[in-house]
């Protein structure tokens, strides 16, 4: 059974409210879940305590047993400091003159 940590939508029309749940990946979005891990209210103010609530011990437990967070929940958990952000990938440099570019006079004489 593949377990996902994802959002389950609650609330009424145009007033979305989400629960962060651990659920089997094959169940519907608002279907049966294994455990409620917290809540997320996107309409609350950014600094408001009612915007996000997590049971940190339960989230760490589900991550330790192999539950995979969805992209949205991964962002929420990164902002909460529970998981590390992915490493930055350094892109290659654009093609330019090869060799030592610190001395332009040397390049002209070659």
Protein backbone atom coordinates (compact mmCIF):
# COMPACT_ATOMS: atom_id res chain seq x y z
CA UNK A 1 0.00 0.00 0.00
CA UNK A 2 1.51 3.31 -1.13
CA UNK A 3 0.77 6.05 1.40
CA UNK A 4 0.60 9.71 0.40
CA UNK A 5 0.46 12.77 2.62
CA UNK A 6 -2.01 15.04 0.85
CA UNK A 7 -4.77 17.61 1.23
CA UNK A 8 -8.44 16.69 1.71
CA UNK A 9 -10.83 19.55 0.88
CA UNK A 10 -13.43 20.69 3.39
CA UNK A 11 -15.45 23.88 3.74
CA UNK A 12 -18.12 25.26 1.51
CA UNK A 13 -18.14 26.76 -1.95
CA UNK A 14 -15.54 29.53 -2.36
CA UNK A 15 -14.37 29.00 1.25
CA UNK A 16 -11.90 26.14 0.89
CA UNK A 17 -10.36 24.60 3.99
CA UNK A 18 -8.03 21.62 3.86
CA UNK A 19 -7.01 18.82 6.18
CA UNK A 20 -3.53 17.38 5.79
CA UNK A 21 -4.06 13.62 5.86
CA UNK A 22 -2.16 10.38 5.38
CA UNK A 23 -4.12 8.30 2.86
CA UNK A 24 -3.71 5.38 0.51
CA UNK A 25 -2.73 6.69 -2.93
CA UNK A 26 -5.64 4.86 -4.60
CA UNK A 27 -8.43 6.46 -2.54
CA UNK A 28 -10.25 9.60 -3.77
CA UNK A 29 -9.16 13.06 -2.61
CA UNK A 30 -11.95 13.41 -0.06
CA UNK A 31 -12.32 9.69 0.61
CA UNK A 32 -11.18 7.47 3.42
CA UNK A 33 -7.92 8.46 5.08
CA UNK A 34 -5.63 6.72 7.55
CA UNK A 35 -4.92 9.62 9.88
CA UNK A 36 -5.42 13.39 10.11
CA UNK A 37 -2.05 15.17 10.46
CA UNK A 38 -3.15 18.81 10.53
CA UNK A 39 -5.01 21.53 8.69
CA UNK A 40 -4.34 24.30 6.17
CA UNK A 41 -6.50 27.37 5.59
CA UNK A 42 -5.34 29.28 2.47
CA UNK A 43 -7.80 32.13 3.10
CA UNK A 44 -6.40 33.08 6.52
CA UNK A 45 -3.86 35.89 6.79
CA UNK A 46 -0.20 34.94 6.22
CA UNK A 47 0.91 35.51 9.82
CA UNK A 48 -2.24 34.07 11.38
CA UNK A 49 -1.84 31.01 13.63
CA UNK A 50 -5.06 29.57 12.17
CA UNK A 51 -3.50 29.32 8.70
CA UNK A 52 -1.55 26.13 9.39
CA UNK A 53 -1.63 23.54 12.13
CA UNK A 54 0.46 20.36 12.11
CA UNK A 55 0.96 17.47 14.47
CA UNK A 56 4.74 17.36 14.04
CA UNK A 57 5.20 13.93 15.65
CA UNK A 58 2.65 12.30 13.34
CA UNK A 59 4.12 13.96 10.23
CA UNK A 60 7.64 12.79 11.15
CA UNK A 61 6.32 9.28 11.80
CA UNK A 62 4.59 9.00 8.41
CA UNK A 63 7.63 10.39 6.61
CA UNK A 64 9.86 7.88 8.44
CA UNK A 65 7.75 4.90 7.34
CA UNK A 66 7.89 5.99 3.70
CA UNK A 67 4.83 8.15 3.06
CA UNK A 68 5.37 10.48 0.09
CA UNK A 69 4.02 14.04 0.34
CA UNK A 70 2.36 15.57 -2.69
CA UNK A 71 3.93 18.67 -4.25
CA UNK A 72 1.60 21.06 -2.41
CA UNK A 73 2.10 19.36 0.95
CA UNK A 74 5.86 19.22 0.32
CA UNK A 75 5.86 23.01 -0.01
CA UNK A 76 3.85 23.38 3.20
CA UNK A 77 6.21 21.06 5.07
CA UNK A 78 9.27 22.93 3.74
CA UNK A 79 7.85 26.25 4.97
CA UNK A 80 7.13 24.62 8.35
CA UNK A 81 10.74 23.35 8.51
CA UNK A 82 9.91 19.64 8.64
CA UNK A 83 11.69 18.65 5.43
CA UNK A 84 14.70 20.11 3.69
CA UNK A 85 14.32 21.87 0.33
CA UNK A 86 15.75 20.05 -2.69
CA UNK A 87 19.38 20.82 -3.49
CA UNK A 88 20.05 23.64 -5.94
CA UNK A 89 21.22 22.48 -9.35
CA UNK A 90 23.94 24.61 -10.92
CA UNK A 91 23.43 24.91 -14.64
CA UNK A 92 26.40 24.80 -17.00
CA UNK A 93 27.91 28.00 -18.32
CA UNK A 94 27.13 29.23 -21.81
CA UNK A 95 29.77 28.59 -24.42
CA UNK A 96 32.39 31.25 -24.41
CA UNK A 97 36.06 31.56 -25.20
CA UNK A 98 37.90 28.60 -23.80
CA UNK A 99 41.06 29.12 -21.85
CA UNK A 100 42.19 31.93 -19.60
CA UNK A 101 39.97 35.01 -19.96
CA UNK A 102 41.57 36.99 -17.14
CA UNK A 103 44.15 38.64 -19.48
CA UNK A 104 42.53 39.92 -22.74
CA UNK A 105 45.87 41.08 -24.24
CA UNK A 106 47.15 37.53 -24.12
CA UNK A 107 44.09 36.32 -26.06
CA UNK A 108 44.67 38.91 -28.84
CA UNK A 109 48.29 37.88 -29.42
CA UNK A 110 47.43 34.22 -29.81
